[in-house]
Protein backbone atom coordinates (compact mmCIF):
# COMPACT_ATOMS: atom_id res chain seq x y z
CA MET A 1 185.20 95.65 17.27
CA GLY A 2 185.53 93.65 14.03
CA GLU A 3 181.80 94.02 13.33
CA ASN A 4 181.99 97.78 13.89
CA THR A 5 185.04 98.07 11.63
CA SER A 6 183.41 96.12 8.80
CA ARG A 7 180.26 98.23 9.11
CA THR A 8 182.30 101.40 8.94
CA GLY A 9 184.23 100.10 5.93
CA GLU A 10 180.97 99.32 4.16
CA ILE A 11 179.71 102.87 4.78
CA LEU A 12 182.95 104.48 3.64
CA SER A 13 183.08 102.34 0.49
CA LYS A 14 179.86 103.97 -0.70
CA LYS A 15 181.61 107.35 -0.71
CA PRO A 16 179.21 109.15 1.61
CA GLY A 17 179.45 112.82 2.47
CA LEU A 18 181.93 114.24 4.93
CA LEU A 19 179.39 114.48 7.76
CA THR A 20 178.36 110.84 7.28
CA ARG A 21 182.01 109.77 7.38
CA LEU A 22 182.60 111.73 10.56
CA ARG A 23 179.52 110.21 12.17
CA ALA A 24 180.68 106.74 11.25
CA LEU A 25 184.14 107.39 12.65
CA TRP A 26 182.70 108.87 15.83
CA SER A 27 179.83 106.48 16.53
CA ASP A 28 181.21 103.20 15.16
CA VAL A 29 184.98 103.44 15.70
CA LEU A 30 185.90 105.94 18.43
CA PHE A 31 182.87 105.75 20.73
CA PRO A 32 180.72 102.74 19.77
CA GLY A 33 179.71 101.70 23.29
CA GLU A 34 176.31 102.16 24.87
CA PRO A 35 175.99 103.70 28.35
CA ALA A 36 175.46 101.19 31.16
CA PRO A 37 175.88 102.89 34.54
CA SER A 38 176.39 100.64 37.52
CA ALA A 39 173.69 100.33 40.18
CA PRO A 40 174.35 102.31 43.37
CA GLY A 41 175.40 100.39 46.47
CA THR A 42 177.07 100.74 49.85
CA ALA A 43 180.49 101.31 48.30
CA VAL A 44 179.03 104.15 46.23
CA LEU A 45 177.71 105.87 49.35
CA VAL A 46 181.13 105.61 50.99
CA CYS A 47 182.79 107.11 47.90
CA GLU A 48 180.26 109.94 47.85
CA ALA A 49 180.95 110.71 51.51
CA ILE A 50 184.70 110.76 50.81
CA LEU A 51 184.17 113.11 47.87
CA VAL A 52 181.99 115.52 49.84
CA LEU A 53 184.42 115.52 52.76
CA ALA A 54 187.55 116.05 50.64
CA ALA A 55 185.99 118.74 48.43
CA GLY A 56 184.41 120.48 51.42
CA ILE A 57 187.62 120.65 53.42
CA LEU A 58 189.65 121.99 50.50
CA SER A 59 186.93 124.47 49.49
CA PHE A 60 186.09 125.97 52.89
CA THR A 61 189.40 125.92 54.77
CA GLN A 62 191.26 129.20 55.48
CA LEU A 63 188.58 131.40 53.93
CA ASP A 64 189.65 134.30 56.13
CA CYS A 65 193.19 134.61 54.76
CA PRO A 66 194.00 138.03 53.18
CA LEU A 67 192.44 139.03 49.87
CA GLN A 68 195.05 138.96 47.13
CA GLU A 69 195.72 141.92 44.87
CA PRO A 70 194.56 142.70 42.34
CA GLU A 71 191.78 140.20 41.52
CA GLU A 72 190.36 139.15 44.88
CA ALA A 73 190.44 142.63 46.37
CA LEU A 74 188.72 144.04 43.27
CA TYR A 75 185.84 141.55 43.28
CA ALA A 76 185.35 141.97 47.03
CA GLU A 77 185.51 145.78 46.95
CA VAL A 78 183.09 146.42 44.07
CA PRO A 79 180.08 144.86 45.88
CA ARG A 80 181.11 146.64 49.11
CA GLN A 81 181.04 149.98 47.32
CA MET A 82 177.76 149.13 45.58
CA LEU A 83 176.24 148.37 48.97
CA ALA A 84 177.69 151.47 50.64
CA GLU A 85 176.50 153.80 47.87
CA HIS A 86 173.13 152.02 47.38
CA ARG A 87 173.90 151.52 43.70
CA LEU A 88 172.50 148.02 43.39
CA LEU A 89 171.92 147.82 39.64
CA ALA A 90 175.27 148.60 38.01
CA PRO A 91 178.69 147.75 39.47
CA VAL A 92 180.65 150.75 40.74
CA ARG A 93 184.33 151.17 41.54
CA HIS A 94 185.68 154.30 43.21
CA GLY A 95 182.75 156.40 42.12
CA GLN A 96 182.82 155.25 38.48
CA ALA A 97 180.61 152.71 36.71
CA TYR A 98 182.48 149.43 36.39
CA TYR A 99 181.15 147.61 33.31
CA ASP A 100 183.87 145.00 32.90
CA LYS A 101 181.62 142.14 34.06
CA PRO A 102 177.90 141.49 34.67
CA PRO A 103 176.62 141.74 38.25
CA LEU A 104 175.58 138.24 39.45
CA LEU A 105 178.72 137.61 41.51
CA TYR A 106 178.51 141.11 42.97
CA TRP A 107 174.87 140.61 43.94
CA LEU A 108 175.64 137.31 45.66
CA VAL A 109 178.60 138.78 47.56
CA MET A 110 176.44 141.75 48.56
CA GLY A 111 173.94 139.26 49.96
CA MET A 112 176.70 137.69 52.07
CA TYR A 113 177.74 141.14 53.31
CA ARG A 114 174.15 141.85 54.30
CA LEU A 115 173.81 138.56 56.18
CA CYS A 116 177.24 138.22 57.76
CA GLY A 117 178.97 141.58 57.58
CA ILE A 118 181.98 142.60 55.49
CA HIS A 119 184.68 140.00 56.04
CA ASP A 120 187.26 138.31 53.85
CA TRP A 121 185.59 134.94 54.39
CA ALA A 122 182.18 136.39 53.44
CA ALA A 123 183.59 137.72 50.16
CA ARG A 124 185.25 134.39 49.43
CA PHE A 125 182.31 132.19 50.46
CA ILE A 126 180.43 132.50 47.15
CA SER A 127 183.39 131.39 45.02
CA SER A 128 184.28 128.58 47.43
CA SER A 129 180.67 127.37 47.44
CA ALA A 130 180.62 127.46 43.63
CA ALA A 131 183.81 125.38 43.52
CA PHE A 132 182.37 122.86 45.98
CA LEU A 133 179.06 122.60 44.13
CA CYS A 134 180.87 122.26 40.81
CA VAL A 135 182.64 119.13 42.09
CA LEU A 136 179.28 117.69 43.15
CA VAL A 137 177.63 118.59 39.82
CA THR A 138 180.56 116.98 37.99
CA TYR A 139 180.05 113.79 39.99
CA ALA A 140 176.27 113.79 39.44
CA TRP A 141 176.81 114.34 35.70
CA GLY A 142 179.21 111.42 35.47
CA LYS A 143 177.07 109.16 37.66
CA ARG A 144 174.05 109.63 35.37
CA THR A 145 176.04 108.95 32.22
CA VAL A 146 179.11 106.74 32.78
CA GLY A 147 178.45 105.27 36.22
CA PRO A 148 179.50 106.03 39.80
CA ARG A 149 183.04 104.56 39.56
CA ALA A 150 184.16 106.75 36.68
CA ALA A 151 182.25 109.71 38.12
CA PHE A 152 183.89 109.35 41.52
CA ALA A 153 187.35 109.09 40.00
CA GLY A 154 186.80 112.13 37.79
CA ALA A 155 185.23 114.36 40.45
CA LEU A 156 187.86 113.45 43.04
CA MET A 157 190.67 114.17 40.58
CA LEU A 158 189.06 117.56 39.92
CA SER A 159 188.94 118.51 43.60
CA LEU A 160 192.51 117.22 44.11
CA SER A 161 194.03 119.18 41.22
CA PRO A 162 196.38 121.92 42.51
CA ARG A 163 195.14 124.56 40.07
CA TRP A 164 191.53 123.91 41.07
CA ALA A 165 192.30 123.92 44.80
CA GLN A 166 194.13 127.24 44.43
CA MET A 167 192.02 129.24 42.00
CA ALA A 168 188.47 127.91 42.26
CA ARG A 169 188.16 129.28 45.79
CA MET A 170 189.46 132.76 44.93
CA VAL A 171 187.07 135.72 44.80
CA SER A 172 186.54 135.98 41.05
CA MET A 173 184.01 135.32 38.33
CA ASN A 174 185.67 132.11 37.18
CA SER A 175 184.49 129.51 39.68
CA LEU A 176 180.89 130.78 39.51
CA LEU A 177 181.07 130.79 35.70
CA THR A 178 182.47 127.25 35.76
CA LEU A 179 179.60 126.05 37.95
CA TRP A 180 176.98 127.37 35.51
CA VAL A 181 178.85 126.11 32.44
CA VAL A 182 179.29 122.60 33.87
CA ALA A 183 175.64 122.48 34.99
CA ALA A 184 174.50 123.65 31.53
CA LEU A 185 176.73 121.09 29.75
CA ALA A 186 175.55 118.28 32.02
CA ALA A 187 171.88 119.13 31.51
CA ALA A 188 172.30 119.50 27.72
CA HIS A 189 174.12 116.16 27.60
CA LEU A 190 171.34 114.43 29.54
CA ALA A 191 168.74 116.10 27.31
CA LEU A 192 170.36 114.56 24.22
CA ALA A 193 171.18 111.15 25.73
CA ARG A 194 167.86 109.61 24.70
CA PRO A 195 166.33 109.17 21.23
CA ARG A 196 163.98 112.05 22.01
CA VAL A 197 165.04 115.34 23.59
CA SER A 198 164.24 115.67 27.28
CA ARG A 199 162.65 119.10 27.48
CA ARG A 200 163.14 119.25 31.25
CA TRP A 201 166.91 118.84 31.00
CA TRP A 202 167.04 121.12 27.96
CA LEU A 203 165.35 123.97 29.85
CA LEU A 204 167.54 123.38 32.91
CA SER A 205 170.57 123.72 30.65
CA ALA A 206 169.24 127.02 29.30
CA LEU A 207 168.59 128.24 32.85
CA ALA A 208 172.16 127.49 33.94
CA CYS A 209 173.56 129.01 30.75
CA GLY A 210 171.56 132.19 31.32
CA LEU A 211 173.00 132.49 34.83
CA GLY A 212 176.45 131.99 33.30
CA VAL A 213 175.82 134.88 30.89
CA LEU A 214 174.73 137.02 33.85
CA THR A 215 177.98 136.06 35.58
CA LYS A 216 180.57 136.73 32.87
CA GLY A 217 178.83 137.48 29.61
CA PRO A 218 178.30 135.58 26.32
CA VAL A 219 181.34 133.35 26.90
CA ALA A 220 179.05 131.01 28.85
CA LEU A 221 176.84 130.46 25.79
CA VAL A 222 179.88 129.88 23.59
CA LEU A 223 181.31 127.23 25.95
CA VAL A 224 177.98 125.38 26.16
CA ALA A 225 176.40 125.69 22.69
CA ALA A 226 179.41 124.69 20.57
CA PRO A 227 180.11 121.23 22.11
CA THR A 228 176.37 120.54 22.32
CA LEU A 229 175.96 121.24 18.60
CA LEU A 230 179.03 119.17 17.72
CA TYR A 231 177.83 116.24 19.79
CA GLN A 232 174.42 116.36 18.12
CA LEU A 233 176.07 116.37 14.69
CA LEU A 234 178.67 113.68 15.34
CA ASP A 235 176.87 111.09 17.46
CA ARG A 236 174.03 109.42 15.59
CA ARG A 237 172.61 108.11 18.88
CA ALA A 238 172.05 111.62 20.22
CA ALA A 239 168.61 113.19 20.01
CA ARG A 240 168.13 115.74 17.28
CA VAL A 241 167.36 119.27 18.42
CA GLY A 242 165.39 121.34 15.95
CA TRP A 243 165.42 125.09 15.44
CA GLY A 244 162.37 125.42 17.64
CA LEU A 245 164.09 123.97 20.70
CA TRP A 246 167.24 125.99 20.05
CA GLY A 247 165.06 129.09 19.78
CA THR A 248 163.46 128.22 23.12
CA TYR A 249 166.93 127.72 24.61
CA LEU A 250 168.16 131.12 23.44
CA ALA A 251 164.92 132.79 24.50
CA LEU A 252 165.25 131.47 28.06
CA VAL A 253 168.91 132.53 28.21
CA GLY A 254 167.86 135.98 27.03
CA LEU A 255 164.97 136.14 29.47
CA ILE A 256 167.39 135.60 32.35
CA ALA A 257 170.31 137.77 31.25
CA LEU A 258 169.04 140.41 28.81
CA PRO A 259 166.91 142.58 31.15
CA TRP A 260 169.98 143.74 33.07
CA PHE A 261 171.91 144.46 29.86
CA VAL A 262 168.99 146.39 28.34
CA VAL A 263 168.35 148.50 31.45
CA VAL A 264 172.02 149.43 31.85
CA ALA A 265 172.36 150.20 28.12
CA ILE A 266 169.34 152.52 28.30
CA ARG A 267 170.75 154.32 31.32
CA ASP A 268 174.26 154.60 29.87
CA PRO A 269 174.65 154.22 26.07
CA SER A 270 178.45 153.86 26.43
CA PHE A 271 177.89 150.50 28.13
CA VAL A 272 177.30 148.59 24.88
CA TYR A 273 180.54 149.70 23.25
CA TYR A 274 182.62 149.23 26.39
CA PHE A 275 181.18 145.88 27.50
CA VAL A 276 180.52 144.19 24.15
CA TRP A 277 183.32 145.52 22.02
CA ILE A 278 186.19 146.24 24.44
CA HIS A 279 185.71 143.46 26.97
CA HIS A 280 184.54 140.69 24.65
CA PHE A 281 185.33 141.02 20.96
CA ARG A 282 188.48 143.09 21.31
CA ARG A 283 189.84 141.14 24.27
CA PHE A 284 189.35 137.96 22.24
CA LEU A 285 190.76 139.26 18.96
CA ASP A 286 193.45 141.60 20.25
CA PRO A 287 195.70 140.92 23.27
CA ILE A 288 195.14 144.29 24.92
CA ASP A 289 196.38 142.74 28.17
CA HIS A 290 197.57 139.39 29.54
CA TRP A 291 199.14 138.34 26.23
CA GLN A 292 200.45 134.79 26.05
CA PRO A 293 201.31 132.41 23.16
CA PHE A 294 198.71 130.03 21.72
CA TRP A 295 200.14 127.01 23.58
CA TYR A 296 200.05 128.80 26.96
CA TYR A 297 197.27 126.69 28.49
CA GLY A 298 198.98 123.40 27.70
CA PRO A 299 201.63 123.71 30.43
CA VAL A 300 199.21 125.55 32.74
CA LEU A 301 196.73 122.69 32.48
CA LEU A 302 199.28 119.89 32.74
CA LEU A 303 201.03 121.36 35.77
CA GLY A 304 197.75 122.40 37.36
CA MET A 305 196.35 118.86 37.12
CA MET A 306 199.35 116.96 38.45
CA PRO A 307 199.62 114.09 39.21
CA TRP A 308 196.49 113.27 37.20
CA ALA A 309 197.92 114.83 34.03
CA LEU A 310 200.22 111.78 33.86
CA LEU A 311 197.12 109.80 32.85
CA PHE A 312 196.55 111.80 29.65
CA PRO A 313 198.77 109.56 27.44
CA GLY A 314 196.82 106.54 28.67
CA LEU A 315 193.54 108.33 27.91
CA VAL A 316 194.67 109.08 24.36
CA LYS A 317 195.66 105.45 23.85
CA HIS A 318 192.35 104.35 25.33
CA VAL A 319 190.40 106.53 22.86
CA VAL A 320 192.29 105.65 19.66
CA GLY A 321 193.35 102.08 20.50
CA ARG A 322 191.53 98.81 20.02
CA MET A 323 189.03 97.83 22.66
CA LYS A 324 189.72 94.74 24.75
CA GLN A 325 187.28 91.98 25.55
CA GLY A 326 185.57 92.50 28.90
CA VAL A 327 186.35 96.22 29.08
CA PRO A 328 183.51 98.77 28.96
CA HIS A 329 183.22 100.15 25.46
CA ARG A 330 184.08 103.76 24.87
CA THR A 331 180.71 105.44 24.96
CA GLY A 332 179.41 108.58 23.35
CA ASP A 333 179.38 110.08 26.84
CA LEU A 334 183.18 109.95 26.91
CA GLY A 335 183.10 111.67 23.54
CA PHE A 336 180.92 114.47 24.93
CA PHE A 337 183.33 115.02 27.85
CA LEU A 338 186.23 115.32 25.43
CA LEU A 339 184.30 117.65 23.11
CA ALA A 340 183.41 119.97 25.99
CA GLY A 341 186.91 120.04 27.47
CA LEU A 342 188.83 120.34 24.21
CA TRP A 343 186.49 122.99 22.83
CA SER A 344 187.01 125.15 25.92
CA LEU A 345 190.77 124.62 25.64
CA LEU A 346 190.75 125.62 21.96
CA PHE A 347 188.53 128.65 22.57
CA PHE A 348 190.66 130.08 25.37
CA SER A 349 193.88 129.27 23.50
CA ALA A 350 192.64 131.23 20.47
CA ALA A 351 191.74 134.25 22.62
CA GLY A 352 194.11 137.18 22.61
CA CYS A 353 193.99 137.66 26.40
CA LYS A 354 194.99 134.69 28.53
CA ARG A 355 195.07 134.23 32.30
CA PRO A 356 195.75 131.05 34.33
CA CYS A 357 192.29 131.11 35.97
CA TYR A 358 190.60 130.67 32.58
CA VAL A 359 191.46 126.95 32.67
CA LEU A 360 188.79 126.26 35.32
CA PRO A 361 185.92 125.51 32.86
CA ILE A 362 188.22 123.14 30.96
CA MET A 363 188.96 120.93 33.94
CA PRO A 364 185.62 119.28 34.95
CA PRO A 365 184.85 117.57 31.60
CA LEU A 366 188.49 116.53 31.15
CA THR A 367 188.66 114.99 34.62
CA LEU A 368 185.46 113.06 33.85
CA ALA A 369 187.16 111.75 30.70
CA LEU A 370 190.13 110.74 32.86
CA GLY A 371 187.68 109.07 35.24
CA CYS A 372 186.36 106.94 32.36
CA TYR A 373 189.92 105.90 31.54
CA VAL A 374 190.73 105.09 35.18
CA ASP A 375 187.59 102.92 35.38
CA ALA A 376 188.54 101.03 32.23
CA ALA A 377 192.22 100.73 33.25
CA CYS A 378 191.25 99.33 36.66
CA ARG A 379 189.09 96.68 34.98
CA LEU A 380 192.00 95.80 32.70
CA GLY A 381 194.47 95.65 35.58
CA ARG A 382 196.63 98.45 34.18
CA ILE A 383 195.87 100.58 37.22
CA ARG A 384 195.37 99.03 40.62
CA PRO A 385 192.62 100.73 42.63
CA ALA A 386 194.82 100.63 45.75
CA HIS A 387 197.61 102.52 43.95
CA TRP A 388 195.17 105.12 42.65
CA ALA A 389 193.70 105.51 46.15
CA CYS A 390 197.19 106.03 47.59
CA ALA A 391 197.89 108.73 44.99
CA ALA A 392 194.59 110.43 45.83
CA SER A 393 195.30 110.28 49.58
CA ALA A 394 198.79 111.72 49.13
CA SER A 395 197.44 114.50 46.88
CA PHE A 396 194.78 115.38 49.45
CA LEU A 397 197.30 115.61 52.29
CA LEU A 398 199.68 117.75 50.25
CA LEU A 399 196.92 120.09 49.14
CA LEU A 400 195.53 120.33 52.67
CA ALA A 401 198.97 121.29 53.96
CA ALA A 402 199.31 123.87 51.18
CA VAL A 403 195.89 125.36 51.95
CA GLN A 404 196.62 125.47 55.69
CA TRP A 405 200.12 126.96 55.63
CA LEU A 406 201.33 127.91 52.16
CA LEU A 407 198.18 129.68 50.94
CA PRO A 408 197.94 132.17 53.87
CA TRP A 409 201.60 133.07 53.45
CA TYR A 410 201.18 133.51 49.70
CA ALA A 411 197.98 135.55 50.14
CA ASP A 412 199.61 137.85 52.68
CA LYS A 413 202.50 138.43 50.30
CA TYR A 414 200.13 139.75 47.64
CA SER A 415 197.71 141.54 49.96
CA VAL A 416 197.73 144.96 51.63
CA ARG A 417 195.71 143.80 54.66
CA GLY A 418 198.65 143.51 57.03
CA ARG A 419 199.89 147.01 56.13
CA ILE A 420 196.47 148.71 56.16
CA ILE A 421 194.64 147.23 59.15
CA PRO A 422 196.91 149.02 61.72
CA HIS A 423 195.74 152.38 60.31
CA VAL A 424 191.98 151.79 60.34
CA GLU A 425 191.42 153.71 63.57
CA ALA A 426 193.73 156.59 62.59
CA CYS A 427 191.86 157.01 59.28
CA ALA A 428 188.37 156.74 60.79
CA ASP A 429 188.10 160.55 61.15
CA GLY A 430 188.30 161.17 57.40
CA THR A 431 192.07 161.57 57.14
CA PRO A 432 192.93 161.61 53.41
CA VAL A 433 194.15 158.30 51.93
CA MET A 434 196.01 158.33 48.61
CA CYS A 435 197.42 155.66 46.28
CA TYR A 436 200.22 156.09 43.74
CA PRO A 437 200.67 155.22 40.85
CA HIS A 438 197.55 153.02 40.63
CA VAL A 439 194.71 151.73 42.76
CA TRP A 440 194.86 148.94 45.33
CA ASP A 441 191.29 147.93 46.01
CA GLY A 442 192.33 146.35 49.29
CA VAL A 443 193.14 149.80 50.68
CA SER A 444 189.56 151.04 50.44
CA TYR A 445 188.19 147.60 51.33
CA TYR A 446 190.04 147.27 54.63
CA LEU A 447 189.62 150.93 55.56
CA ARG A 448 185.92 150.79 54.61
CA ARG A 449 186.42 154.07 52.74
CA ASN A 450 184.87 155.09 49.43
CA ASP A 451 186.94 158.27 49.08
CA VAL A 452 190.44 156.86 48.55
CA ARG A 453 192.17 159.05 45.98
CA VAL A 454 194.16 157.43 43.17
CA TYR A 455 196.88 159.35 41.33
CA ARG A 456 198.49 158.15 38.11
CA PRO A 457 202.12 158.96 37.18
CA ALA A 458 201.00 161.97 35.12
CA GLN A 459 199.12 163.29 38.17
CA LEU A 460 202.06 163.31 40.60
CA ASP A 461 202.20 167.11 40.81
CA GLU A 462 198.48 167.18 41.54
CA MET A 463 199.03 164.63 44.30
CA VAL A 464 201.80 166.73 45.86
CA SER A 465 199.50 169.76 45.86
CA ALA A 466 196.81 167.72 47.63
CA LEU A 467 199.36 166.55 50.21
CA ARG A 468 200.47 170.13 50.88
CA SER A 469 196.91 171.13 51.76
CA GLN A 470 196.61 168.47 54.50
CA ARG A 471 198.18 168.21 57.94
CA GLN A 472 198.79 164.51 57.34
CA SER A 473 197.74 161.87 54.81
CA LEU A 474 198.09 158.09 54.59
CA VAL A 475 199.89 157.17 51.37
CA VAL A 476 200.25 153.79 49.65
CA VAL A 477 203.02 153.81 47.06
CA GLU A 478 204.19 151.09 44.72
CA ASP A 479 207.62 149.86 45.72
CA ALA A 480 209.04 150.46 42.25
CA SER A 481 207.70 154.04 42.16
CA LEU A 482 208.87 155.08 45.62
CA ASP A 483 212.02 156.93 44.51
CA ARG A 484 210.10 159.08 42.05
CA PHE A 485 207.49 159.85 44.70
CA LEU A 486 210.11 160.91 47.26
CA GLU A 487 211.90 163.09 44.74
CA ALA A 488 208.65 164.96 44.05
CA LEU A 489 208.00 165.76 47.73
CA PRO A 490 208.99 169.31 48.71
CA GLU A 491 211.06 170.03 51.82
CA SER A 492 207.94 171.09 53.67
CA LEU A 493 206.63 167.50 53.63
CA ALA A 494 208.09 164.48 55.40
CA PHE A 495 207.39 160.86 54.56
CA VAL A 496 207.16 158.62 57.64
CA PRO A 497 207.17 154.96 56.52
CA CYS A 498 205.12 152.46 58.50
CA GLY A 499 206.00 149.35 56.59
CA ARG A 500 207.56 148.15 53.41
CA GLN A 501 206.68 144.82 51.90
CA HIS A 502 206.73 144.18 48.19
CA PRO A 503 204.92 145.44 46.22
CA VAL A 504 203.84 148.43 48.38
CA VAL A 505 205.17 150.92 50.90
CA VAL A 506 202.69 152.42 53.36
CA GLY A 507 203.44 155.60 55.27
CA TRP A 508 202.30 159.00 56.47
CA VAL A 509 203.05 162.26 54.69
CA ARG A 510 203.08 165.08 57.27
CA GLN A 511 203.88 168.74 57.38
CA ARG A 512 207.36 169.28 58.81
CA GLN A 513 206.16 172.10 61.05
CA GLY A 514 205.96 170.77 64.58
CA LEU A 515 208.15 167.73 63.90
CA VAL A 516 211.12 167.72 66.27
CA ASP A 517 212.97 165.08 64.34
CA PRO A 518 211.48 164.62 60.86
CA VAL A 519 211.89 161.06 59.61
CA SER A 520 213.27 160.58 56.16
CA PHE A 521 212.91 157.31 54.39
CA VAL A 522 216.04 155.26 53.72
CA PRO A 523 215.44 152.24 51.45
């Protein structure tokens, strides 16, 4: 450490440029160590089996619990409607083009529907598989760079983080995006880890990044390119990537993702404005929905990574403190993990729209950084491996219990499955189904109907007219809007409730003629 400090002081005394100073601080003070991964052995194989078993159980348990509104039902229903209407190119939702996100997740879910039929577990299988594979990719990334001990600790902490166990398995774009982003970061890191760029890893990174763009748009490129560029600039040991290789990288990303964007833009010119401006630039610059303060992801991340978040102060001290004799030096690999995690945290914190599930891409590199700290702390005796193993075992048991019992209860609370399934047979003959004052995608999903009518508050009179023209109709009404809906019904119509569970009330609207004892709803 003294030699590194004197070398840095000599460089700084010559008044070099800012970039040279930063490189000296990064490479000679913060992360001066060279990578020296441990050789695999029997203990490593046991740890790998434990990791696969723990991540597999948490990822693939209770896949058939109800789809939660609004996110899970939406991302399960769009591919079902695409398949039913044979509109395989562009996403469709209730007869309208749905350009909010690119189609890769929808295509994969459609493939599951084709193979296995339309089931909740089939819709959820892609996201759960992505979460499981992401844990394995995180471990493989760490094993190649910082050794199997740190990699095992980091990957296991990822799979045993409550936020990951809850949200990575949900039907959404986020776990699939996280898989591609982590794979692209890992491959880019390995490409730069030698004095000369590894073209194989560099192209693999571009391939994964392109799939990320096809999953959720340009955000994948932003999350991968920025930390890769910073690492190349800050760490003098990293290979230098010229404009030619960056051009090749962008060309491969474009080759994978651009054809779909170009075809859809040609078919519908409004796509470019809606997708690029509204759902990317404007959502980042202007909180059109899901507004939260800048510091929002701090508590979300800390609570979502408990109990491992308690190790963050030790990690900070490990990075900025003096290195002890006999402890593995802080390597540039640890620096890359921190760059990737902190950049994602900063990017999503600066965005106008914030949602809890956006923390998923932040977690894998940060848990690998925590794994490096746990490895060093165990060697120093600050953390006993037995104590860490006990904490991991307790976390696994608690999360397993939550997945087995708490998650199904929570999913049912925010799902319409239990209220809709009893009416599948009654609605099979084309009986009208209506929602007020907004759509619940689970209604059409569980009824397997593409003709569910949705009426907004301003369309209530139109809805009443439609109800008058039918002998009976199944109606799904928001709990908070029920009184207004009942007040608008004329005396000729009766509302027969079938179930009320927040946030919806499901019932039949029937003509009073022929009813011996019309049922009126009493809250």
